[in-house]
PDB file of N, CA and C in Angstrom:
ATOM      1  N   MET A   1     -56.647 -10.787  -1.414  1.00  0.00           N
ATOM      2  CA  MET A   1     -56.251  -9.916  -0.490  1.00  0.00           C
ATOM      3  C   MET A   1     -55.028 -10.548   0.385  1.00  0.00           C
ATOM      4  N   MET A   2     -55.574 -11.845   0.821  1.00  0.00           N
ATOM      5  CA  MET A   2     -54.687 -12.429   1.530  1.00  0.00           C
ATOM      6  C   MET A   2     -53.281 -12.726   0.978  1.00  0.00           C
ATOM      7  N   ARG A   3     -53.394 -13.294  -0.823  1.00  0.00           N
ATOM      8  CA  ARG A   3     -51.933 -13.739  -1.851  1.00  0.00           C
ATOM      9  C   ARG A   3     -51.170 -12.186  -1.602  1.00  0.00           C
ATOM     10  N   ARG A   4     -51.997 -11.272  -2.020  1.00  0.00           N
ATOM     11  CA  ARG A   4     -51.314  -9.743  -2.276  1.00  0.00           C
ATOM     12  C   ARG A   4     -50.071  -9.212  -0.661  1.00  0.00           C
ATOM     13  N   ILE A   5     -51.130  -9.778   0.471  1.00  0.00           N
ATOM     14  CA  ILE A   5     -50.128  -8.809   1.788  1.00  0.00           C
ATOM     15  C   ILE A   5     -49.109 -10.502   1.655  1.00  0.00           C
ATOM     16  N   ALA A   6     -49.259 -11.561   1.719  1.00  0.00           N
ATOM     17  CA  ALA A   6     -48.325 -12.814   1.935  1.00  0.00           C
ATOM     18  C   ALA A   6     -46.814 -12.266   0.394  1.00  0.00           C
ATOM     19  N   ALA A   7     -47.543 -11.605  -0.932  1.00  0.00           N
ATOM     20  CA  ALA A   7     -46.470 -11.750  -1.241  1.00  0.00           C
ATOM     21  C   ALA A   7     -45.854 -10.004  -0.992  1.00  0.00           C
ATOM     22  N   THR A   8     -46.896  -9.395  -0.682  1.00  0.00           N
ATOM     23  CA  THR A   8     -45.713  -8.450  -0.160  1.00  0.00           C
ATOM     24  C   THR A   8     -45.071  -8.481   0.831  1.00  0.00           C
ATOM     25  N   LEU A   9     -45.316  -9.251   1.828  1.00  0.00           N
ATOM     26  CA  LEU A   9     -44.417  -9.798   3.052  1.00  0.00           C
ATOM     27  C   LEU A   9     -42.622 -10.640   2.313  1.00  0.00           C
ATOM     28  N   PHE A  10     -43.377 -11.562   1.577  1.00  0.00           N
ATOM     29  CA  PHE A  10     -42.456 -12.319   1.000  1.00  0.00           C
ATOM     30  C   PHE A  10     -41.576 -11.089   0.179  1.00  0.00           C
ATOM     31  N   ILE A  11     -41.844 -10.404  -0.541  1.00  0.00           N
ATOM     32  CA  ILE A  11     -40.511  -8.940  -1.114  1.00  0.00           C
ATOM     33  C   ILE A  11     -40.155  -8.228  -0.168  1.00  0.00           C
ATOM     34  N   LEU A  12     -40.766  -7.712   1.170  1.00  0.00           N
ATOM     35  CA  LEU A  12     -39.737  -7.547   1.796  1.00  0.00           C
ATOM     36  C   LEU A  12     -38.719  -7.888   2.734  1.00  0.00           C
ATOM     37  N   VAL A  13     -39.432  -9.425   2.367  1.00  0.00           N
ATOM     38  CA  VAL A  13     -38.769  -9.954   3.433  1.00  0.00           C
ATOM     39  C   VAL A  13     -36.928 -10.389   3.011  1.00  0.00           C
ATOM     40  N   MET A  14     -37.386 -10.784   1.514  1.00  0.00           N
ATOM     41  CA  MET A  14     -36.238 -11.170   0.744  1.00  0.00           C
ATOM     42  C   MET A  14     -35.498  -9.637  -0.008  1.00  0.00           C
ATOM     43  N   ALA A  15     -35.851  -8.892   0.065  1.00  0.00           N
ATOM     44  CA  ALA A  15     -35.421  -7.326   0.209  1.00  0.00           C
ATOM     45  C   ALA A  15     -34.069  -6.662   0.873  1.00  0.00           C
ATOM     46  N   GLY A  16     -34.909  -7.146   2.438  1.00  0.00           N
ATOM     47  CA  GLY A  16     -33.827  -6.569   3.419  1.00  0.00           C
ATOM     48  C   GLY A  16     -33.274  -7.674   3.920  1.00  0.00           C
ATOM     49  N   THR A  17     -33.226  -9.155   3.603  1.00  0.00           N
ATOM     50  CA  THR A  17     -31.633 -10.438   3.894  1.00  0.00           C
ATOM     51  C   THR A  17     -30.875  -9.642   2.496  1.00  0.00           C
ATOM     52  N   LEU A  18     -31.539  -9.157   1.522  1.00  0.00           N
ATOM     53  CA  LEU A  18     -30.508  -9.466   0.313  1.00  0.00           C
ATOM     54  C   LEU A  18     -29.679  -7.686   0.635  1.00  0.00           C
ATOM     55  N   MET A  19     -30.162  -6.039   1.014  1.00  0.00           N
ATOM     56  CA  MET A  19     -29.863  -5.527   1.381  1.00  0.00           C
ATOM     57  C   MET A  19     -28.993  -5.827   2.271  1.00  0.00           C
ATOM     58  N   GLY A  20     -29.281  -6.210   3.280  1.00  0.00           N
ATOM     59  CA  GLY A  20     -28.717  -6.767   4.326  1.00  0.00           C
ATOM     60  C   GLY A  20     -27.174  -7.521   4.340  1.00  0.00           C
ATOM     61  N   GLY A  21     -26.798  -8.380   3.528  1.00  0.00           N
ATOM     62  CA  GLY A  21     -26.018  -9.175   2.433  1.00  0.00           C
ATOM     63  C   GLY A  21     -25.115  -8.270   1.930  1.00  0.00           C
ATOM     64  N   SER A  22     -25.621  -7.546   1.471  1.00  0.00           N
ATOM     65  CA  SER A  22     -24.970  -6.262   0.200  1.00  0.00           C
ATOM     66  C   SER A  22     -24.359  -5.666   1.005  1.00  0.00           C
ATOM     67  N   CYS A  23     -24.645  -5.232   2.640  1.00  0.00           N
ATOM     68  CA  CYS A  23     -23.893  -3.961   3.450  1.00  0.00           C
ATOM     69  C   CYS A  23     -22.789  -4.230   4.789  1.00  0.00           C
ATOM     70  N   ASN A  24     -22.408  -5.879   4.425  1.00  0.00           N
ATOM     71  CA  ASN A  24     -21.759  -6.539   5.411  1.00  0.00           C
ATOM     72  C   ASN A  24     -20.512  -6.138   5.090  1.00  0.00           C
ATOM     73  N   SER A  25     -19.563  -5.497   6.251  1.00  0.00           N
ATOM     74  CA  SER A  25     -18.846  -5.149   6.520  1.00  0.00           C
ATOM     75  C   SER A  25     -17.790  -5.478   7.475  1.00  0.00           C
ATOM     76  N   VAL A  26     -16.678  -5.285   8.020  1.00  0.00           N
ATOM     77  CA  VAL A  26     -15.704  -6.190   8.156  1.00  0.00           C
ATOM     78  C   VAL A  26     -14.801  -5.450   9.170  1.00  0.00           C
ATOM     79  N   VAL A  27     -14.657  -5.186  10.643  1.00  0.00           N
ATOM     80  CA  VAL A  27     -14.217  -4.569  11.831  1.00  0.00           C
ATOM     81  C   VAL A  27     -13.195  -5.615  12.390  1.00  0.00           C
ATOM     82  N   ARG A  28     -12.061  -4.615  12.431  1.00  0.00           N
ATOM     83  CA  ARG A  28     -10.795  -5.191  12.379  1.00  0.00           C
ATOM     84  C   ARG A  28     -10.405  -5.053  13.511  1.00  0.00           C
ATOM     85  N   ASP A  29      -9.854  -5.048  14.714  1.00  0.00           N
ATOM     86  CA  ASP A  29      -8.681  -5.322  15.926  1.00  0.00           C
ATOM     87  C   ASP A  29      -7.938  -3.840  15.405  1.00  0.00           C
ATOM     88  N   GLU A  30      -7.686  -2.420  15.795  1.00  0.00           N
ATOM     89  CA  GLU A  30      -6.846  -1.607  15.609  1.00  0.00           C
ATOM     90  C   GLU A  30      -5.501  -2.437  15.881  1.00  0.00           C
ATOM     91  N   ASN A  31      -5.317  -2.867  16.943  1.00  0.00           N
ATOM     92  CA  ASN A  31      -3.944  -3.273  17.149  1.00  0.00           C
ATOM     93  C   ASN A  31      -3.329  -4.408  15.992  1.00  0.00           C
ATOM     94  N   VAL A  32      -3.903  -4.912  15.240  1.00  0.00           N
ATOM     95  CA  VAL A  32      -4.003  -6.295  14.999  1.00  0.00           C
ATOM     96  C   VAL A  32      -3.360  -5.486  13.425  1.00  0.00           C
ATOM     97  N   PHE A  33      -4.028  -4.451  12.653  1.00  0.00           N
ATOM     98  CA  PHE A  33      -3.936  -3.904  11.760  1.00  0.00           C
ATOM     99  C   PHE A  33      -2.617  -3.403  11.251  1.00  0.00           C
ATOM    100  N   ARG A  34      -2.477  -2.101  12.447  1.00  0.00           N
ATOM    101  CA  ARG A  34      -1.315  -1.412  12.782  1.00  0.00           C
ATOM    102  C   ARG A  34       0.038  -2.165  12.565  1.00  0.00           C
ATOM    103  N   THR A  35      -0.239  -4.257  13.278  1.00  0.00           N
ATOM    104  CA  THR A  35       0.676  -4.229  13.613  1.00  0.00           C
ATOM    105  C   THR A  35       0.942  -5.684  12.131  1.00  0.00           C
ATOM    106  N   GLU A  36       0.000  -5.162  11.401  1.00  0.00           N
ATOM    107  CA  GLU A  36      -0.138  -5.863   9.940  1.00  0.00           C
ATOM    108  C   GLU A  36       0.737  -4.760   9.199  1.00  0.00           C
ATOM    109  N   LEU A  37       0.390  -3.813   9.244  1.00  0.00           N
ATOM    110  CA  LEU A  37       0.337  -2.839   8.543  1.00  0.00           C
ATOM    111  C   LEU A  37       2.702  -2.541   8.605  1.00  0.00           C
ATOM    112  N   ASP A  38       1.919  -2.637  10.174  1.00  0.00           N
ATOM    113  CA  ASP A  38       4.208  -2.259  10.580  1.00  0.00           C
ATOM    114  C   ASP A  38       5.038  -3.577   9.615  1.00  0.00           C
ATOM    115  N   PHE A  39       4.800  -4.927   9.716  1.00  0.00           N
ATOM    116  CA  PHE A  39       5.092  -6.180   9.218  1.00  0.00           C
ATOM    117  C   PHE A  39       4.906  -5.390   7.226  1.00  0.00           C
ATOM    118  N   PHE A  40       4.096  -5.150   6.965  1.00  0.00           N
ATOM    119  CA  PHE A  40       4.115  -4.841   5.493  1.00  0.00           C
ATOM    120  C   PHE A  40       5.658  -4.338   5.279  1.00  0.00           C
ATOM    121  N   GLU A  41       5.575  -3.126   5.849  1.00  0.00           N
ATOM    122  CA  GLU A  41       5.976  -1.456   5.605  1.00  0.00           C
ATOM    123  C   GLU A  41       7.597  -2.426   5.992  1.00  0.00           C
ATOM    124  N   GLN A  42       7.934  -3.289   7.301  1.00  0.00           N
ATOM    125  CA  GLN A  42       9.313  -3.643   7.156  1.00  0.00           C
ATOM    126  C   GLN A  42       9.717  -4.564   6.000  1.00  0.00           C
ATOM    127  N   THR A  43       8.874  -5.769   6.189  1.00  0.00           N
ATOM    128  CA  THR A  43       9.095  -6.906   5.061  1.00  0.00           C
ATOM    129  C   THR A  43       9.555  -5.589   3.528  1.00  0.00           C
ATOM    130  N   SER A  44       9.079  -4.789   3.306  1.00  0.00           N
ATOM    131  CA  SER A  44       9.103  -4.019   1.885  1.00  0.00           C
ATOM    132  C   SER A  44      10.908  -3.148   2.817  1.00  0.00           C
ATOM    133  N   LYS A  45      10.832  -2.434   3.740  1.00  0.00           N
ATOM    134  CA  LYS A  45      12.246  -1.551   3.550  1.00  0.00           C
ATOM    135  C   LYS A  45      13.470  -2.232   3.717  1.00  0.00           C
ATOM    136  N   GLN A  46      12.925  -3.607   4.771  1.00  0.00           N
ATOM    137  CA  GLN A  46      14.473  -3.388   5.166  1.00  0.00           C
ATOM    138  C   GLN A  46      14.849  -4.994   4.127  1.00  0.00           C
ATOM    139  N   PRO A  47      14.365  -5.864   3.034  1.00  0.00           N
ATOM    140  CA  PRO A  47      15.209  -5.857   2.368  1.00  0.00           C
ATOM    141  C   PRO A  47      15.418  -4.652   0.784  1.00  0.00           C
ATOM    142  N   ALA A  48      14.694  -3.262   1.228  1.00  0.00           N
ATOM    143  CA  ALA A  48      15.406  -2.695   0.016  1.00  0.00           C
ATOM    144  C   ALA A  48      16.462  -1.841   0.460  1.00  0.00           C
ATOM    145  N   ASP A  49      16.862  -1.328   1.894  1.00  0.00           N
ATOM    146  CA  ASP A  49      17.733  -1.171   2.189  1.00  0.00           C
ATOM    147  C   ASP A  49      19.045  -2.563   1.951  1.00  0.00           C
ATOM    148  N   ARG A  50      19.092  -3.124   1.640  1.00  0.00           N
ATOM    149  CA  ARG A  50      19.527  -4.727   1.631  1.00  0.00           C
ATOM    150  C   ARG A  50      19.709  -4.374   0.158  1.00  0.00           C
ATOM    151  N   LEU A  51      19.203  -4.497  -0.728  1.00  0.00           N
ATOM    152  CA  LEU A  51      19.775  -3.570  -1.812  1.00  0.00           C
ATOM    153  C   LEU A  51      20.657  -2.653  -2.118  1.00  0.00           C
ATOM    154  N   ALA A  52      19.777  -0.804  -1.696  1.00  0.00           N
ATOM    155  CA  ALA A  52      21.031  -0.718  -1.185  1.00  0.00           C
ATOM    156  C   ALA A  52      22.013  -0.735  -1.369  1.00  0.00           C
ATOM    157  N   GLN A  53      22.550  -1.260   0.107  1.00  0.00           N
ATOM    158  CA  GLN A  53      23.988  -1.443   0.478  1.00  0.00           C
ATOM    159  C   GLN A  53      24.800  -2.743  -0.764  1.00  0.00           C
ATOM    160  N   TRP A  54      23.670  -3.286  -1.774  1.00  0.00           N
ATOM    161  CA  TRP A  54      23.831  -4.087  -2.710  1.00  0.00           C
ATOM    162  C   TRP A  54      24.403  -3.072  -3.821  1.00  0.00           C
ATOM    163  N   VAL A  55      23.780  -1.971  -4.169  1.00  0.00           N
ATOM    164  CA  VAL A  55      23.872  -1.132  -5.446  1.00  0.00           C
ATOM    165  C   VAL A  55      24.815  -0.778  -5.264  1.00  0.00           C
ATOM    166  N   SER A  56      25.205   0.080  -3.542  1.00  0.00           N
ATOM    167  CA  SER A  56      26.683   0.692  -3.338  1.00  0.00           C
ATOM    168  C   SER A  56      28.101   0.040  -3.614  1.00  0.00           C
ATOM    169  N   ILE A  57      27.987  -1.303  -3.722  1.00  0.00           N
ATOM    170  CA  ILE A  57      28.863  -1.886  -3.128  1.00  0.00           C
ATOM    171  C   ILE A  57      29.313  -3.057  -4.530  1.00  0.00           C
ATOM    172  N   ALA A  58      28.005  -3.428  -5.509  1.00  0.00           N
ATOM    173  CA  ALA A  58      28.795  -3.856  -6.199  1.00  0.00           C
ATOM    174  C   ALA A  58      27.971  -3.215  -7.887  1.00  0.00           C
ATOM    175  N   CYS A  59      27.445  -2.803  -7.711  1.00  0.00           N
ATOM    176  CA  CYS A  59      27.544  -1.109  -9.116  1.00  0.00           C
ATOM    177  C   CYS A  59      28.010  -0.382  -8.972  1.00  0.00           C
ATOM    178  N   LYS A  60      28.237   0.068 -10.270  1.00  0.00           N
ATOM    179  CA  LYS A  60      29.310   0.828 -10.856  1.00  0.00           C
ATOM    180  C   LYS A  60      28.467   2.069 -12.070  1.00  0.00           C
ATOM    181  N   CYS A  61      29.354   3.501 -11.783  1.00  0.00           N
ATOM    182  CA  CYS A  61      28.137   4.385 -12.664  1.00  0.00           C
ATOM    183  C   CYS A  61      28.943   5.375 -13.290  1.00  0.00           C
ATOM    184  N   GLU A  62      28.628   5.607 -14.352  1.00  0.00           N
ATOM    185  CA  GLU A  62      29.621   6.387 -15.856  1.00  0.00           C
ATOM    186  C   GLU A  62      28.122   8.049 -16.042  1.00  0.00           C
ATOM    187  N   GLY A  63      29.094   8.903 -15.690  1.00  0.00           N
ATOM    188  CA  GLY A  63      28.068   9.862 -15.875  1.00  0.00           C
ATOM    189  C   GLY A  63      26.968  10.687 -15.257  1.00  0.00           C
ATOM    190  N   GLY A  64      27.124   9.813 -14.306  1.00  0.00           N
ATOM    191  CA  GLY A  64      26.031   9.750 -13.345  1.00  0.00           C
ATOM    192  C   GLY A  64      24.593   9.067 -14.089  1.00  0.00           C
ATOM    193  N   LYS A  65      24.798   8.038 -14.594  1.00  0.00           N
ATOM    194  CA  LYS A  65      24.360   6.738 -15.333  1.00  0.00           C
ATOM    195  C   LYS A  65      24.619   5.100 -14.079  1.00  0.00           C
ATOM    196  N   PHE A  66      23.772   4.521 -14.002  1.00  0.00           N
ATOM    197  CA  PHE A  66      24.616   3.157 -14.021  1.00  0.00           C
ATOM    198  C   PHE A  66      25.031   2.596 -15.602  1.00  0.00           C
ATOM    199  N   THR A  67      26.181   1.469 -14.847  1.00  0.00           N
ATOM    200  CA  THR A  67      26.382   0.923 -16.045  1.00  0.00           C
ATOM    201  C   THR A  67      26.158  -0.379 -16.518  1.00  0.00           C
ATOM    202  N   ASP A  68      24.887  -0.721 -15.602  1.00  0.00           N
ATOM    203  CA  ASP A  68      24.353  -2.265 -15.859  1.00  0.00           C
ATOM    204  C   ASP A  68      22.546  -1.903 -15.636  1.00  0.00           C
ATOM    205  N   LYS A  69      22.246  -2.775 -16.171  1.00  0.00           N
ATOM    206  CA  LYS A  69      20.416  -2.598 -16.125  1.00  0.00           C
ATOM    207  C   LYS A  69      19.979  -2.834 -15.672  1.00  0.00           C
ATOM    208  N   TRP A  70      20.499  -3.862 -14.678  1.00  0.00           N
ATOM    209  CA  TRP A  70      20.196  -4.694 -13.322  1.00  0.00           C
ATOM    210  C   TRP A  70      20.241  -3.549 -12.203  1.00  0.00           C
ATOM    211  N   CYS A  71      21.099  -3.047 -12.018  1.00  0.00           N
ATOM    212  CA  CYS A  71      21.623  -1.870 -10.638  1.00  0.00           C
ATOM    213  C   CYS A  71      20.186  -1.047 -11.468  1.00  0.00           C
ATOM    214  N   ALA A  72      20.770  -0.145 -12.398  1.00  0.00           N
ATOM    215  CA  ALA A  72      19.731   0.856 -12.393  1.00  0.00           C
ATOM    216  C   ALA A  72      17.870   0.423 -11.899  1.00  0.00           C
ATOM    217  N   GLU A  73      17.835  -0.519 -12.686  1.00  0.00           N
ATOM    218  CA  GLU A  73      16.465  -1.256 -12.261  1.00  0.00           C
ATOM    219  C   GLU A  73      16.499  -1.918 -10.394  1.00  0.00           C
ATOM    220  N   THR A  74      17.545  -1.771 -10.032  1.00  0.00           N
ATOM    221  CA  THR A  74      17.326  -2.191  -8.508  1.00  0.00           C
ATOM    222  C   THR A  74      17.140  -1.047  -7.785  1.00  0.00           C
ATOM    223  N   ALA A  75      18.070  -0.276  -8.252  1.00  0.00           N
ATOM    224  CA  ALA A  75      18.548   1.084  -7.778  1.00  0.00           C
ATOM    225  C   ALA A  75      16.701   1.814  -7.974  1.00  0.00           C
ATOM    226  N   LYS A  76      15.796   1.758  -8.906  1.00  0.00           N
ATOM    227  CA  LYS A  76      15.124   2.012  -9.253  1.00  0.00           C
ATOM    228  C   LYS A  76      13.867   1.478  -8.026  1.00  0.00           C
ATOM    229  N   LEU A  77      13.957   0.182  -7.528  1.00  0.00           N
ATOM    230  CA  LEU A  77      12.929  -0.126  -7.207  1.00  0.00           C
ATOM    231  C   LEU A  77      13.533   0.147  -5.471  1.00  0.00           C
ATOM    232  N   VAL A  78      14.655   0.519  -4.919  1.00  0.00           N
ATOM    233  CA  VAL A  78      14.801   0.781  -3.864  1.00  0.00           C
ATOM    234  C   VAL A  78      14.519   2.043  -3.388  1.00  0.00           C
ATOM    235  N   GLN A  79      14.438   3.025  -4.733  1.00  0.00           N
ATOM    236  CA  GLN A  79      13.546   4.354  -4.424  1.00  0.00           C
ATOM    237  C   GLN A  79      12.352   4.611  -4.350  1.00  0.00           C
ATOM    238  N   VAL A  80      11.053   3.752  -4.971  1.00  0.00           N
ATOM    239  CA  VAL A  80      10.105   3.475  -4.849  1.00  0.00           C
ATOM    240  C   VAL A  80       9.235   2.566  -3.760  1.00  0.00           C
ATOM    241  N   VAL A  81      10.155   1.798  -3.135  1.00  0.00           N
ATOM    242  CA  VAL A  81       9.727   1.148  -1.553  1.00  0.00           C
ATOM    243  C   VAL A  81       9.825   2.338  -0.775  1.00  0.00           C
ATOM    244  N   ARG A  82      10.990   2.907  -0.463  1.00  0.00           N
ATOM    245  CA  ARG A  82      11.528   4.079   0.618  1.00  0.00           C
ATOM    246  C   ARG A  82      10.653   5.382   0.222  1.00  0.00           C
ATOM    247  N   THR A  83      10.319   5.649  -0.624  1.00  0.00           N
ATOM    248  CA  THR A  83       9.153   6.539  -0.684  1.00  0.00           C
ATOM    249  C   THR A  83       7.890   6.441  -0.438  1.00  0.00           C
ATOM    250  N   ARG A  84       7.366   5.202  -1.686  1.00  0.00           N
ATOM    251  CA  ARG A  84       6.172   4.737  -1.538  1.00  0.00           C
ATOM    252  C   ARG A  84       5.241   3.857  -0.621  1.00  0.00           C
ATOM    253  N   VAL A  85       6.153   3.365   0.408  1.00  0.00           N
ATOM    254  CA  VAL A  85       5.722   2.333   1.501  1.00  0.00           C
ATOM    255  C   VAL A  85       5.431   3.530   2.455  1.00  0.00           C
ATOM    256  N   PRO A  86       5.612   3.996   3.415  1.00  0.00           N
ATOM    257  CA  PRO A  86       5.390   5.190   4.558  1.00  0.00           C
ATOM    258  C   PRO A  86       3.645   6.060   3.883  1.00  0.00           C
ATOM    259  N   TYR A  87       4.148   6.733   2.495  1.00  0.00           N
ATOM    260  CA  TYR A  87       2.328   7.224   1.878  1.00  0.00           C
ATOM    261  C   TYR A  87       1.710   5.785   1.903  1.00  0.00           C
ATOM    262  N   HIS A  88       1.786   4.799   1.138  1.00  0.00           N
ATOM    263  CA  HIS A  88       0.712   3.775   1.266  1.00  0.00           C
ATOM    264  C   HIS A  88       0.226   3.197   2.595  1.00  0.00           C
ATOM    265  N   LYS A  89       0.974   3.249   3.547  1.00  0.00           N
ATOM    266  CA  LYS A  89       0.683   2.764   5.421  1.00  0.00           C
ATOM    267  C   LYS A  89       0.399   4.153   5.583  1.00  0.00           C
ATOM    268  N   ALA A  90       0.354   5.315   5.069  1.00  0.00           N
ATOM    269  CA  ALA A  90      -0.479   5.863   6.515  1.00  0.00           C
ATOM    270  C   ALA A  90      -1.837   5.609   5.327  1.00  0.00           C
ATOM    271  N   MET A  91      -1.988   5.998   3.981  1.00  0.00           N
ATOM    272  CA  MET A  91      -3.477   6.017   3.775  1.00  0.00           C
ATOM    273  C   MET A  91      -3.975   4.899   4.012  1.00  0.00           C
ATOM    274  N   ALA A  92      -3.503   3.909   4.336  1.00  0.00           N
ATOM    275  CA  ALA A  92      -4.214   2.580   4.919  1.00  0.00           C
ATOM    276  C   ALA A  92      -4.705   3.008   6.149  1.00  0.00           C
ATOM    277  N   LEU A  93      -4.332   3.523   6.780  1.00  0.00           N
ATOM    278  CA  LEU A  93      -4.352   4.558   8.211  1.00  0.00           C
ATOM    279  C   LEU A  93      -6.004   5.318   8.094  1.00  0.00           C
ATOM    280  N   PHE A  94      -5.057   6.019   7.764  1.00  0.00           N
ATOM    281  CA  PHE A  94      -6.151   7.084   7.384  1.00  0.00           C
ATOM    282  C   PHE A  94      -7.886   6.653   6.170  1.00  0.00           C
ATOM    283  N   ASN A  95      -7.553   5.267   5.513  1.00  0.00           N
ATOM    284  CA  ASN A  95      -8.828   4.821   5.164  1.00  0.00           C
ATOM    285  C   ASN A  95      -9.786   4.190   6.378  1.00  0.00           C
ATOM    286  N   ALA A  96      -8.498   3.277   7.625  1.00  0.00           N
ATOM    287  CA  ALA A  96      -9.380   2.969   8.438  1.00  0.00           C
ATOM    288  C   ALA A  96      -9.897   3.796   9.318  1.00  0.00           C
ATOM    289  N   GLY A  97      -9.597   5.272   9.415  1.00  0.00           N
ATOM    290  CA  GLY A  97     -10.477   5.915  10.642  1.00  0.00           C
ATOM    291  C   GLY A  97      -9.325   6.139  11.337  1.00  0.00           C
ATOM    292  N   LEU A  98      -8.236   5.617  11.026  1.00  0.00           N
ATOM    293  CA  LEU A  98      -6.939   5.568  12.227  1.00  0.00           C
ATOM    294  C   LEU A  98      -5.566   6.510  12.797  1.00  0.00           C
ATOM    295  N   LEU A  99      -6.240   7.705  11.294  1.00  0.00           N
ATOM    296  CA  LEU A  99      -5.452   8.632  11.016  1.00  0.00           C
ATOM    297  C   LEU A  99      -6.063  10.114  10.870  1.00  0.00           C
ATOM    298  N   GLU A 100      -5.854  11.113  11.585  1.00  0.00           N
ATOM    299  CA  GLU A 100      -7.034  11.639  11.503  1.00  0.00           C
ATOM    300  C   GLU A 100      -6.804  12.749  10.011  1.00  0.00           C
ATOM    301  N   LYS A 101      -5.031  13.226   9.968  1.00  0.00           N
ATOM    302  CA  LYS A 101      -4.783  13.768   8.761  1.00  0.00           C
ATOM    303  C   LYS A 101      -4.472  13.098   7.708  1.00  0.00           C
ATOM    304  N   ARG A 102      -5.926  13.331   6.683  1.00  0.00           N
ATOM    305  CA  ARG A 102      -5.123  12.682   5.149  1.00  0.00           C
ATOM    306  C   ARG A 102      -3.942  12.814   4.960  1.00  0.00           C
ATOM    307  N   PRO A 103      -3.788  12.228   4.094  1.00  0.00           N
ATOM    308  CA  PRO A 103      -1.946  11.781   2.993  1.00  0.00           C
ATOM    309  C   PRO A 103      -2.673  12.893   2.264  1.00  0.00           C
ATOM    310  N   PRO A 104      -1.179  13.532   1.404  1.00  0.00           N
ATOM    311  CA  PRO A 104      -1.640  14.009   0.611  1.00  0.00           C
ATOM    312  C   PRO A 104      -2.678  13.118  -0.576  1.00  0.00           C
ATOM    313  N   LYS A 105      -2.799  14.259  -1.519  1.00  0.00           N
ATOM    314  CA  LYS A 105      -3.467  13.147  -2.476  1.00  0.00           C
ATOM    315  C   LYS A 105      -3.049  12.223  -3.633  1.00  0.00           C
ATOM    316  N   ASP A 106      -1.740  13.597  -4.123  1.00  0.00           N
ATOM    317  CA  ASP A 106      -0.521  12.590  -4.381  1.00  0.00           C
ATOM    318  C   ASP A 106       0.345  12.063  -4.198  1.00  0.00           C
ATOM    319  N   PRO A 107       0.369  11.087  -4.544  1.00  0.00           N
ATOM    320  CA  PRO A 107       1.837  10.182  -3.517  1.00  0.00           C
ATOM    321  C   PRO A 107       3.147  11.292  -3.818  1.00  0.00           C
ATOM    322  N   PRO A 108       3.942  10.736  -2.843  1.00  0.00           N
ATOM    323  CA  PRO A 108       4.732  11.448  -3.282  1.00  0.00           C
ATOM    324  C   PRO A 108       6.285  10.849  -4.349  1.00  0.00           C
ATOM    325  N   LYS A 109       6.483  12.184  -5.420  1.00  0.00           N
ATOM    326  CA  LYS A 109       7.452  12.272  -6.303  1.00  0.00           C
ATOM    327  C   LYS A 109       8.990  11.133  -5.747  1.00  0.00           C
ATOM    328  N   VAL A 110       8.887   9.813  -6.870  1.00  0.00           N
ATOM    329  CA  VAL A 110      10.064   8.932  -6.137  1.00  0.00           C
ATOM    330  C   VAL A 110      11.253  10.048  -7.222  1.00  0.00           C
ATOM    331  N   PRO A 111      12.330   9.692  -6.034  1.00  0.00           N
ATOM    332  CA  PRO A 111      13.588  10.375  -6.240  1.00  0.00           C
ATOM    333  C   PRO A 111      14.265   9.623  -7.565  1.00  0.00           C
ATOM    334  N   PRO A 112      14.967  10.044  -8.676  1.00  0.00           N
ATOM    335  CA  PRO A 112      15.431   9.502  -9.335  1.00  0.00           C
ATOM    336  C   PRO A 112      16.356   8.227  -8.880  1.00  0.00           C
ATOM    337  N   ALA A 113      17.109   7.078  -9.913  1.00  0.00           N
ATOM    338  CA  ALA A 113      17.273   6.139  -8.850  1.00  0.00           C
ATOM    339  C   ALA A 113      19.475   6.448  -9.368  1.00  0.00           C
ATOM    340  N   THR A 114      19.038   7.480 -10.259  1.00  0.00           N
ATOM    341  CA  THR A 114      20.789   7.583 -10.135  1.00  0.00           C
ATOM    342  C   THR A 114      20.832   8.102  -8.700  1.00  0.00           C
ATOM    343  N   ASP A 115      20.199   8.439  -7.980  1.00  0.00           N
ATOM    344  CA  ASP A 115      20.539   9.301  -6.428  1.00  0.00           C
ATOM    345  C   ASP A 115      21.238   7.820  -5.959  1.00  0.00           C
ATOM    346  N   LEU A 116      21.428   7.592  -6.241  1.00  0.00           N
ATOM    347  CA  LEU A 116      21.975   5.837  -5.770  1.00  0.00           C
ATOM    348  C   LEU A 116      23.288   5.499  -6.408  1.00  0.00           C
ATOM    349  N   CYS A 117      23.842   6.674  -7.117  1.00  0.00           N
ATOM    350  CA  CYS A 117      25.256   5.921  -7.816  1.00  0.00           C
ATOM    351  C   CYS A 117      26.085   5.955  -6.712  1.00  0.00           C
ATOM    352  N   PRO A 118      26.454   5.188  -6.997  1.00  0.00           N
ATOM    353  CA  PRO A 118      28.115   4.843  -5.263  1.00  0.00           C
ATOM    354  C   PRO A 118      28.945   5.898  -6.508  1.00  0.00           C
ATOM    355  N   GLY A 119      29.378   6.441  -5.303  1.00  0.00           N
ATOM    356  CA  GLY A 119      30.944   7.765  -5.468  1.00  0.00           C
ATOM    357  C   GLY A 119      29.248   8.966  -5.938  1.00  0.00           C
ATOM    358  N   GLY A 120      28.054   8.990  -6.066  1.00  0.00           N
ATOM    359  CA  GLY A 120      28.261   9.945  -6.749  1.00  0.00           C
ATOM    360  C   GLY A 120      26.726  10.570  -5.909  1.00  0.00           C
TER     361      GLY A 120
END
């Protein structure tokens, strides 16, 4: 009988330990989290803005399309960053419980890279 009680207690202690270990969560300071998101946003958007300036100066388009593959790829990157970074920042805030209204289920559609064609 004593062994049975000891075994039951051992199982309960181990189960509690294992379950408690699997339910750990990290609580982050809200101001630190918001500051980090702002930093990530700026370190994405500022280079994208510089690249957009480069595209407008160094790239050419004919017939509404870039004449250079690198220019087209760079313009696409600019469009993705400008469109999606604010959406993902909002989703991160929502997932952290810091934004009441959930962003749309689907991220915004990225405008075509050709929208950045110089003179177009």
